[in-house]
């Protein structure tokens, strides 16, 4: 409590110091208006004090003092003030709140500073009056030695105690008002919430990219490694093909992982530089490496890469793929990831050959993956179907995934054009 009181007292003294130029200018203007010489050593005049407060409020609208006042409120008053988000320009709502705080800080600080300058020396004088030994004039009253002089220290200490109580009350008042007037405005809170939502959405998309690409690669590596181990002695050629598929899948996974980590690094650099929105545009995993010049990114896989996807999987896949040249690039990228996830789950949880179909029908792209087995939903708590459903929802499509008499089927329909 004692430490907080001293710091809050210092914050109020700071307000009085900031008020001094206004008071001195007011004293000069008032003296010139009355044809008198300005007394800058005694600027504590009630009329001037009241007159300069509107000027303080007006300057508070335009002076860039928010950071200073926030630091003072946190460091000296002990108030918890949320750091406002950076914005391109100041809103009038923030300006009005800043002007109100600035005026209140300087007004209370000026009163406390003037009272401190008057009461503390007065209390010291009253404490030495009983030892003066002679009549001493104090604020226009002649204090005689003896009992009259002995009563003055009590009055001085009482006045000092009242000052301490007033400082504690004023500091508490400002500490309570600081979060309200110096914290983020409703508009700033809304902007921060929207930014946070964008960041979370971006992180979710990146997590989905890692799950789909790296998860698929690890599934293929596991399958091919098991196959290579079984035929290594009796069929070296098949084992060699499996090892080649492992190498290709691992390289693809590393490229995808490098891409996602590069996007995250760009996001971190944008956040540290105060650039506002992260440096990922549109869909995660699609943007280039704008923040890393000289380093190219491999283009994201599309439906044109289905043959390579199937070949790298090492599974028995019967493809029924029509003409997909009319599929837009964004839809093609997302459709590739959906098929990749469905194929990964079919390999992990099914058995036997997998049927993969993709065709354009009535201004829509239809995808279907079926396989025998107990299901390819990703297992209990898995994210396979959930990730596919998120992608389909983003493209305003439809997804149906569930068991059939023969096994498991995933059917997806994606519109090729956005709805008007």
Protein backbone atom coordinates (compact mmCIF):
# COMPACT_ATOMS: atom_id res chain seq x y z
CA UNK A 1 0.00 0.00 0.00
CA UNK A 2 2.83 2.38 0.92
CA UNK A 3 4.66 1.63 -2.33
CA UNK A 4 1.49 2.10 -4.38
CA UNK A 5 0.81 5.38 -2.61
CA UNK A 6 4.23 6.79 -3.44
CA UNK A 7 3.96 5.74 -7.08
CA UNK A 8 0.47 7.11 -7.45
CA UNK A 9 1.61 10.34 -5.80
CA UNK A 10 4.39 10.53 -8.40
CA UNK A 11 1.83 9.99 -11.18
CA UNK A 12 -0.25 12.89 -9.83
CA UNK A 13 2.84 15.08 -9.58
CA UNK A 14 3.53 14.18 -13.23
CA UNK A 15 0.05 15.44 -14.10
CA UNK A 16 0.81 18.68 -12.28
CA UNK A 17 4.10 19.04 -14.16
CA UNK A 18 2.29 18.57 -17.48
CA UNK A 19 -0.21 21.22 -16.42
CA UNK A 20 2.48 23.81 -15.62
CA UNK A 21 3.02 25.07 -19.21
CA UNK A 22 -0.73 25.64 -19.58
CA UNK A 23 -0.86 27.47 -16.24
CA UNK A 24 2.16 29.63 -17.03
CA UNK A 25 0.73 30.58 -20.42
CA UNK A 26 -2.60 31.34 -18.73
CA UNK A 27 -0.96 33.55 -16.13
CA UNK A 28 0.88 35.51 -18.83
CA UNK A 29 -2.29 36.01 -20.88
CA UNK A 30 -4.32 36.98 -17.79
CA UNK A 31 -1.65 39.48 -16.66
CA UNK A 32 -1.44 41.08 -20.10
CA UNK A 33 -5.21 41.39 -20.19
CA UNK A 34 -5.15 43.22 -16.87
CA UNK A 35 -2.10 45.34 -17.74
CA UNK A 36 0.02 43.78 -14.98
CA UNK A 37 3.33 42.00 -14.81
CA UNK A 38 3.00 38.22 -14.85
CA UNK A 39 4.11 36.41 -11.70
CA UNK A 40 5.23 33.05 -13.05
CA UNK A 41 6.38 31.90 -9.62
CA UNK A 42 2.79 31.81 -8.33
CA UNK A 43 0.76 30.31 -11.15
CA UNK A 44 -1.77 28.64 -8.81
CA UNK A 45 -4.75 30.82 -9.49
CA UNK A 46 -8.23 29.34 -9.47
CA UNK A 47 -9.48 31.43 -12.38
CA UNK A 48 -6.55 30.54 -14.60
CA UNK A 49 -6.77 26.90 -13.52
CA UNK A 50 -10.40 26.66 -14.58
CA UNK A 51 -9.75 28.58 -17.80
CA UNK A 52 -6.93 26.33 -19.04
CA UNK A 53 -8.79 23.03 -18.57
CA UNK A 54 -10.74 23.40 -21.87
CA UNK A 55 -7.43 24.09 -23.61
CA UNK A 56 -6.02 20.91 -22.05
CA UNK A 57 -9.02 18.96 -23.35
CA UNK A 58 -8.62 20.32 -26.89
CA UNK A 59 -4.92 19.52 -27.01
CA UNK A 60 -5.68 16.06 -25.66
CA UNK A 61 -7.68 15.42 -28.84
CA UNK A 62 -4.62 15.84 -31.04
CA UNK A 63 -1.45 15.20 -29.02
CA UNK A 64 0.02 11.67 -29.48
CA UNK A 65 0.21 11.04 -25.74
CA UNK A 66 -1.67 7.77 -25.40
CA UNK A 67 1.45 5.62 -25.07
CA UNK A 68 2.89 7.96 -22.42
CA UNK A 69 -0.32 7.95 -20.39
CA UNK A 70 -0.74 4.17 -20.68
CA UNK A 71 2.82 3.64 -19.41
CA UNK A 72 2.23 6.07 -16.54
CA UNK A 73 -1.04 4.38 -15.61
CA UNK A 74 0.53 0.92 -15.63
CA UNK A 75 3.87 1.77 -14.07
CA UNK A 76 2.81 4.37 -11.49
CA UNK A 77 -0.88 3.87 -10.82
CA UNK A 78 -0.64 0.08 -10.98
CA UNK A 79 -3.65 -0.08 -13.32
CA UNK A 80 -4.14 -2.97 -15.71
CA UNK A 81 -4.62 -1.36 -19.12
CA UNK A 82 -4.99 -3.58 -22.17
CA UNK A 83 -2.58 -2.60 -24.91
CA UNK A 84 -4.62 -1.06 -27.75
CA UNK A 85 -4.03 -2.63 -31.17
CA UNK A 86 -2.10 -0.61 -33.70
CA UNK A 87 -4.22 1.22 -36.20
CA UNK A 88 -3.48 3.31 -39.25
CA UNK A 89 -5.25 6.35 -37.81
CA UNK A 90 -6.83 7.52 -34.57
CA UNK A 91 -10.59 7.36 -34.30
CA UNK A 92 -12.58 10.23 -32.80
CA UNK A 93 -13.90 7.90 -30.14
CA UNK A 94 -10.35 7.19 -29.00
CA UNK A 95 -9.48 10.90 -29.22
CA UNK A 96 -12.42 11.89 -26.99
CA UNK A 97 -11.55 9.29 -24.39
CA UNK A 98 -7.92 10.36 -24.47
CA UNK A 99 -8.91 14.01 -24.03
CA UNK A 100 -11.12 13.13 -21.05
CA UNK A 101 -8.31 11.19 -19.37
CA UNK A 102 -5.71 13.85 -20.13
CA UNK A 103 -7.88 16.60 -18.67
CA UNK A 104 -8.70 14.55 -15.57
CA UNK A 105 -5.07 13.58 -15.01
CA UNK A 106 -3.78 17.12 -15.32
CA UNK A 107 -6.62 18.66 -13.30
CA UNK A 108 -6.28 16.30 -10.34
CA UNK A 109 -2.51 16.29 -10.68
CA UNK A 110 -2.44 20.11 -10.62
CA UNK A 111 -4.53 20.24 -7.44
CA UNK A 112 -2.44 17.57 -5.73
CA UNK A 113 0.85 19.17 -6.81
CA UNK A 114 -0.23 22.60 -5.55
CA UNK A 115 -1.48 21.12 -2.28
CA UNK A 116 1.76 19.17 -1.85
CA UNK A 117 3.87 22.28 -2.44
CA UNK A 118 1.81 24.18 0.15
CA UNK A 119 0.98 21.62 2.85
CA UNK A 120 4.30 19.78 3.19
CA UNK A 121 6.35 22.99 3.92
CA UNK A 122 3.54 24.26 6.15
CA UNK A 123 3.61 21.05 8.23
CA UNK A 124 7.39 21.32 8.60
CA UNK A 125 7.06 24.89 9.81
CA UNK A 126 4.42 23.94 12.40
CA UNK A 127 6.65 21.18 13.73
CA UNK A 128 9.42 23.66 14.62
CA UNK A 129 7.12 26.36 16.08
CA UNK A 130 7.24 25.00 19.67
CA UNK A 131 11.02 25.30 19.58
CA UNK A 132 11.18 28.80 18.09
CA UNK A 133 11.21 30.59 21.49
CA UNK A 134 9.74 33.73 20.06
CA UNK A 135 6.65 35.05 18.33
CA UNK A 136 6.55 33.82 14.71
CA UNK A 137 4.17 34.97 11.97
CA UNK A 138 2.52 32.03 10.10
CA UNK A 139 0.08 32.66 7.22
CA UNK A 140 -0.79 36.07 8.62
CA UNK A 141 -1.12 34.90 12.27
CA UNK A 142 1.48 35.65 14.93
CA UNK A 143 2.12 32.52 16.97
CA UNK A 144 3.24 33.21 20.53
CA UNK A 145 5.57 30.82 22.37
CA UNK A 146 4.02 28.32 24.81
CA UNK A 147 0.84 26.27 24.49
CA UNK A 148 -0.47 28.13 21.41
CA UNK A 149 2.66 27.10 19.52
CA UNK A 150 2.34 23.50 20.76
CA UNK A 151 -1.09 23.11 19.11
CA UNK A 152 0.09 24.10 15.64
CA UNK A 153 2.00 20.83 14.93
CA UNK A 154 -1.22 18.89 15.54
CA UNK A 155 -3.00 21.01 12.95
CA UNK A 156 -0.12 20.63 10.51
CA UNK A 157 -0.04 16.83 10.90
CA UNK A 158 -3.82 16.64 10.53
CA UNK A 159 -3.59 18.66 7.32
CA UNK A 160 -0.80 16.41 6.05
CA UNK A 161 -2.89 13.33 6.86
CA UNK A 162 -5.79 14.81 4.92
CA UNK A 163 -3.45 15.36 1.96
CA UNK A 164 -2.27 11.74 2.10
CA UNK A 165 -5.89 10.52 2.19
CA UNK A 166 -6.77 12.79 -0.74
CA UNK A 167 -3.80 11.50 -2.74
CA UNK A 168 -4.79 7.88 -2.02
CA UNK A 169 -8.38 8.56 -3.10
CA UNK A 170 -7.34 10.44 -6.24
CA UNK A 171 -4.86 7.70 -7.19
CA UNK A 172 -7.50 5.01 -6.71
CA UNK A 173 -9.97 6.98 -8.83
CA UNK A 174 -7.50 7.35 -11.69
CA UNK A 175 -6.46 3.69 -11.41
CA UNK A 176 -10.10 2.64 -11.85
CA UNK A 177 -10.71 5.01 -14.76
CA UNK A 178 -7.48 4.21 -16.62
CA UNK A 179 -8.66 0.87 -18.11
CA UNK A 180 -11.90 2.52 -19.23
CA UNK A 181 -10.44 5.63 -20.85
CA UNK A 182 -7.02 4.36 -21.95
CA UNK A 183 -7.94 0.79 -22.91
CA UNK A 184 -9.14 -0.27 -26.34
CA UNK A 185 -12.32 1.31 -27.62
CA UNK A 186 -15.21 -0.95 -28.69
CA UNK A 187 -14.15 -0.45 -32.31
CA UNK A 188 -10.57 -1.44 -31.46
CA UNK A 189 -11.78 -4.49 -29.55
CA UNK A 190 -13.88 -5.53 -32.53
CA UNK A 191 -10.91 -5.08 -34.87
CA UNK A 192 -8.70 -7.11 -32.52
CA UNK A 193 -11.32 -9.87 -32.30
CA UNK A 194 -11.60 -10.00 -36.09
CA UNK A 195 -7.81 -10.15 -36.39
CA UNK A 196 -7.69 -12.94 -33.81
CA UNK A 197 -10.39 -14.85 -35.69
CA UNK A 198 -8.45 -14.46 -38.95
CA UNK A 199 -5.31 -15.75 -37.25
CA UNK A 200 -7.12 -18.76 -35.80
CA UNK A 201 -8.68 -19.54 -39.16
CA UNK A 202 -5.28 -19.35 -40.80
CA UNK A 203 -3.74 -21.62 -38.17
CA UNK A 204 -6.54 -24.13 -38.64
CA UNK A 205 -5.96 -24.14 -42.39
CA UNK A 206 -2.24 -24.70 -41.87
CA UNK A 207 -2.95 -27.53 -39.43
CA UNK A 208 -5.26 -29.06 -42.03
CA UNK A 209 -2.52 -28.79 -44.66
CA UNK A 210 -0.07 -30.59 -42.39
CA UNK A 211 -2.58 -33.26 -41.49
CA UNK A 212 -3.50 -33.96 -45.10
CA UNK A 213 -0.10 -33.82 -46.77
CA UNK A 214 2.27 -35.09 -44.09
CA UNK A 215 -0.27 -37.58 -42.75
CA UNK A 216 -0.74 -39.02 -46.22
CA UNK A 217 3.00 -39.25 -46.75
CA UNK A 218 3.55 -41.05 -43.45
CA UNK A 219 0.75 -43.50 -44.22
CA UNK A 220 2.32 -44.27 -47.59
CA UNK A 221 5.78 -44.61 -46.04
CA UNK A 222 4.41 -47.05 -43.44
CA UNK A 223 2.60 -49.12 -46.05
CA UNK A 224 5.51 -49.24 -48.47
CA UNK A 225 8.05 -49.97 -45.75
CA UNK A 226 5.98 -52.92 -44.58
CA UNK A 227 5.64 -54.17 -48.16
CA UNK A 228 9.36 -53.78 -48.82
CA UNK A 229 10.21 -55.71 -45.68
CA UNK A 230 8.01 -58.61 -46.71
CA UNK A 231 9.41 -59.01 -50.26
CA UNK A 232 12.97 -57.82 -49.77
CA UNK A 233 14.53 -61.30 -49.98
CA UNK A 234 12.38 -62.92 -52.66
CA UNK A 235 11.52 -59.90 -54.85
CA UNK A 236 14.21 -57.20 -54.70
CA UNK A 237 12.71 -55.30 -57.66
CA UNK A 238 9.38 -54.80 -55.87
CA UNK A 239 11.23 -53.78 -52.72
CA UNK A 240 13.24 -51.26 -54.75
CA UNK A 241 10.01 -49.75 -56.12
CA UNK A 242 8.61 -49.50 -52.60
CA UNK A 243 11.74 -47.73 -51.40
CA UNK A 244 11.46 -45.32 -54.33
CA UNK A 245 7.87 -44.58 -53.35
CA UNK A 246 9.01 -44.01 -49.76
CA UNK A 247 11.66 -41.56 -50.93
CA UNK A 248 9.19 -39.67 -53.11
CA UNK A 249 6.55 -39.48 -50.37
CA UNK A 250 9.08 -38.30 -47.79
CA UNK A 251 10.40 -35.62 -50.16
CA UNK A 252 6.86 -34.39 -50.85
CA UNK A 253 6.12 -34.28 -47.12
CA UNK A 254 9.28 -32.27 -46.49
CA UNK A 255 8.35 -29.80 -49.22
CA UNK A 256 4.85 -29.37 -47.79
CA UNK A 257 6.22 -28.99 -44.27
CA UNK A 258 8.77 -26.44 -45.47
CA UNK A 259 6.01 -24.52 -47.20
CA UNK A 260 3.80 -24.36 -44.12
CA UNK A 261 6.70 -23.40 -41.84
CA UNK A 262 7.64 -20.69 -44.31
CA UNK A 263 4.14 -19.27 -44.12
CA UNK A 264 4.30 -19.34 -40.32
CA UNK A 265 7.63 -17.50 -40.37
CA UNK A 266 6.13 -14.84 -42.62
CA UNK A 267 3.21 -14.57 -40.19
CA UNK A 268 5.59 -14.12 -37.24
CA UNK A 269 7.59 -11.45 -39.07
CA UNK A 270 4.40 -9.58 -39.95
CA UNK A 271 3.22 -9.71 -36.31
CA UNK A 272 6.58 -8.54 -34.94
CA UNK A 273 6.74 -5.63 -37.37
CA UNK A 274 3.23 -4.50 -36.42
CA UNK A 275 2.06 -4.97 -39.97
CA UNK A 276 -1.46 -5.94 -38.94
CA UNK A 277 -2.86 -8.86 -40.86
CA UNK A 278 -0.64 -11.89 -41.30
CA UNK A 279 1.17 -12.30 -44.56
CA UNK A 280 -0.96 -15.17 -45.81
CA UNK A 281 -3.50 -14.36 -48.43
CA UNK A 282 -6.57 -16.31 -49.37
CA UNK A 283 -5.92 -19.91 -48.51
CA UNK A 284 -3.10 -21.17 -46.40
CA UNK A 285 -0.74 -23.31 -48.39
CA UNK A 286 -1.49 -21.39 -51.60
CA UNK A 287 0.32 -18.11 -51.13
CA UNK A 288 3.85 -17.57 -52.30
CA UNK A 289 6.88 -16.63 -50.31
CA UNK A 290 6.59 -12.88 -50.58
CA UNK A 291 8.52 -12.37 -47.38
CA UNK A 292 11.40 -14.57 -48.51
CA UNK A 293 12.74 -13.22 -51.77
CA UNK A 294 14.94 -15.42 -53.82
CA UNK A 295 13.43 -18.59 -52.43
CA UNK A 296 10.77 -20.20 -54.61
CA UNK A 297 7.88 -22.31 -53.51
CA UNK A 298 6.81 -25.46 -55.26
CA UNK A 299 3.33 -25.03 -56.73
CA UNK A 300 0.57 -26.68 -54.75
CA UNK A 301 -0.73 -29.99 -56.06
CA UNK A 302 -3.95 -30.06 -58.06
CA UNK A 303 -6.16 -32.69 -59.67
CA UNK A 304 -3.63 -32.84 -62.50
CA UNK A 305 -1.31 -34.60 -60.03
CA UNK A 306 -3.70 -37.44 -59.21
CA UNK A 307 -1.61 -40.00 -61.10
CA UNK A 308 1.45 -39.18 -59.02
CA UNK A 309 -0.63 -39.30 -55.83
CA UNK A 310 -1.97 -42.76 -56.68
CA UNK A 311 1.43 -44.04 -57.81
CA UNK A 312 3.12 -42.82 -54.63
CA UNK A 313 0.46 -44.42 -52.43
CA UNK A 314 1.45 -47.93 -53.43
CA UNK A 315 -2.16 -49.08 -53.05
CA UNK A 316 -4.35 -50.79 -55.61
CA UNK A 317 -6.44 -47.90 -56.92
CA UNK A 318 -8.92 -48.08 -59.79
CA UNK A 319 -9.21 -44.57 -61.23
CA UNK A 320 -12.25 -43.28 -63.04
CA UNK A 321 -11.25 -39.73 -63.86
CA UNK A 322 -12.98 -37.64 -66.49
CA UNK A 323 -12.02 -34.35 -68.14
CA UNK A 324 -11.13 -31.97 -65.27
CA UNK A 325 -9.70 -29.11 -67.34
CA UNK A 326 -12.70 -26.88 -66.52
CA UNK A 327 -12.14 -27.08 -62.76
CA UNK A 328 -10.92 -23.72 -61.32
CA UNK A 329 -7.50 -23.72 -59.69
CA UNK A 330 -8.77 -23.11 -56.15
CA UNK A 331 -11.34 -25.91 -56.40
CA UNK A 332 -8.73 -28.18 -57.97
CA UNK A 333 -6.29 -27.65 -55.11
CA UNK A 334 -8.90 -28.29 -52.43
CA UNK A 335 -10.30 -31.31 -54.32
CA UNK A 336 -6.80 -32.79 -54.50
CA UNK A 337 -6.44 -32.46 -50.72
CA UNK A 338 -9.87 -34.04 -50.17
CA UNK A 339 -8.99 -37.02 -52.35
CA UNK A 340 -5.61 -37.27 -50.69
CA UNK A 341 -7.22 -37.48 -47.25
CA UNK A 342 -9.86 -39.97 -48.39
CA UNK A 343 -7.17 -42.14 -50.00
CA UNK A 344 -5.00 -41.93 -46.88
CA UNK A 345 -7.85 -43.14 -44.69
CA UNK A 346 -8.69 -45.90 -47.17
CA UNK A 347 -5.11 -47.14 -46.99
CA UNK A 348 -4.98 -46.94 -43.19
CA UNK A 349 -8.36 -48.41 -42.31
CA UNK A 350 -9.53 -50.42 -45.33
CA UNK A 351 -8.32 -53.41 -47.29
CA UNK A 352 -8.48 -54.43 -50.90
CA UNK A 353 -8.60 -52.20 -53.98
CA UNK A 354 -9.76 -48.61 -53.76
CA UNK A 355 -12.03 -46.95 -56.30
CA UNK A 356 -11.33 -43.26 -56.99
CA UNK A 357 -13.67 -41.31 -59.27
CA UNK A 358 -13.64 -37.63 -60.28
CA UNK A 359 -15.79 -35.99 -62.93
CA UNK A 360 -17.46 -32.70 -63.82
CA UNK A 361 -21.24 -32.94 -63.87
CA UNK A 362 -23.74 -30.07 -64.23
CA UNK A 363 -21.40 -27.22 -63.25
CA UNK A 364 -20.11 -29.21 -60.30
CA UNK A 365 -17.18 -31.45 -59.49
CA UNK A 366 -18.09 -34.88 -58.11
CA UNK A 367 -15.53 -36.90 -56.17
CA UNK A 368 -15.95 -40.41 -54.83
CA UNK A 369 -13.63 -42.78 -52.98
CA UNK A 370 -14.84 -46.24 -51.95
CA UNK A 371 -13.05 -49.19 -50.46
CA UNK A 372 -13.80 -52.44 -48.62
CA UNK A 373 -13.17 -52.32 -44.90
CA UNK A 374 -14.53 -51.13 -41.60
CA UNK A 375 -14.42 -47.49 -42.59
CA UNK A 376 -12.00 -44.73 -43.43
CA UNK A 377 -13.22 -41.93 -41.20
CA UNK A 378 -9.88 -41.57 -39.55
CA UNK A 379 -10.62 -43.75 -36.51
CA UNK A 380 -12.10 -42.66 -33.19
CA UNK A 381 -11.38 -39.00 -32.60
CA UNK A 382 -9.66 -38.76 -35.97
CA UNK A 383 -9.67 -35.62 -38.06
CA UNK A 384 -9.99 -37.16 -41.51
CA UNK A 385 -13.66 -36.53 -42.22
CA UNK A 386 -13.58 -33.34 -40.14
CA UNK A 387 -10.80 -31.87 -42.29
CA UNK A 388 -12.57 -32.86 -45.50
CA UNK A 389 -15.83 -31.39 -44.24
CA UNK A 390 -14.13 -28.06 -43.46
CA UNK A 391 -12.71 -27.84 -46.96
CA UNK A 392 -16.04 -28.72 -48.51
CA UNK A 393 -17.83 -26.16 -46.38
CA UNK A 394 -15.39 -23.42 -47.41
CA UNK A 395 -16.22 -24.15 -51.05
CA UNK A 396 -19.97 -24.38 -50.27
CA UNK A 397 -20.11 -27.97 -51.36
CA UNK A 398 -21.64 -31.16 -50.00
CA UNK A 399 -19.99 -34.17 -48.39
CA UNK A 400 -21.38 -37.60 -47.56
CA UNK A 401 -19.14 -40.07 -45.75
CA UNK A 402 -20.25 -43.32 -44.18
CA UNK A 403 -20.36 -47.08 -44.28
CA UNK A 404 -21.91 -49.08 -47.10
CA UNK A 405 -22.66 -52.77 -47.50
CA UNK A 406 -19.28 -53.29 -49.13
CA UNK A 407 -17.18 -51.01 -46.95
CA UNK A 408 -16.83 -47.23 -46.77
CA UNK A 409 -17.64 -44.46 -49.23
CA UNK A 410 -16.82 -40.76 -49.37
CA UNK A 411 -18.82 -38.67 -51.85
CA UNK A 412 -18.17 -34.96 -52.41
CA UNK A 413 -19.80 -32.43 -54.72
CA UNK A 414 -18.15 -29.04 -55.18
CA UNK A 415 -19.62 -26.17 -57.20
CA UNK A 416 -17.29 -24.89 -59.88
CA UNK A 417 -18.54 -21.31 -59.52
CA UNK A 418 -19.45 -19.28 -56.46
CA UNK A 419 -23.13 -18.69 -55.87
CA UNK A 420 -24.25 -15.17 -56.86
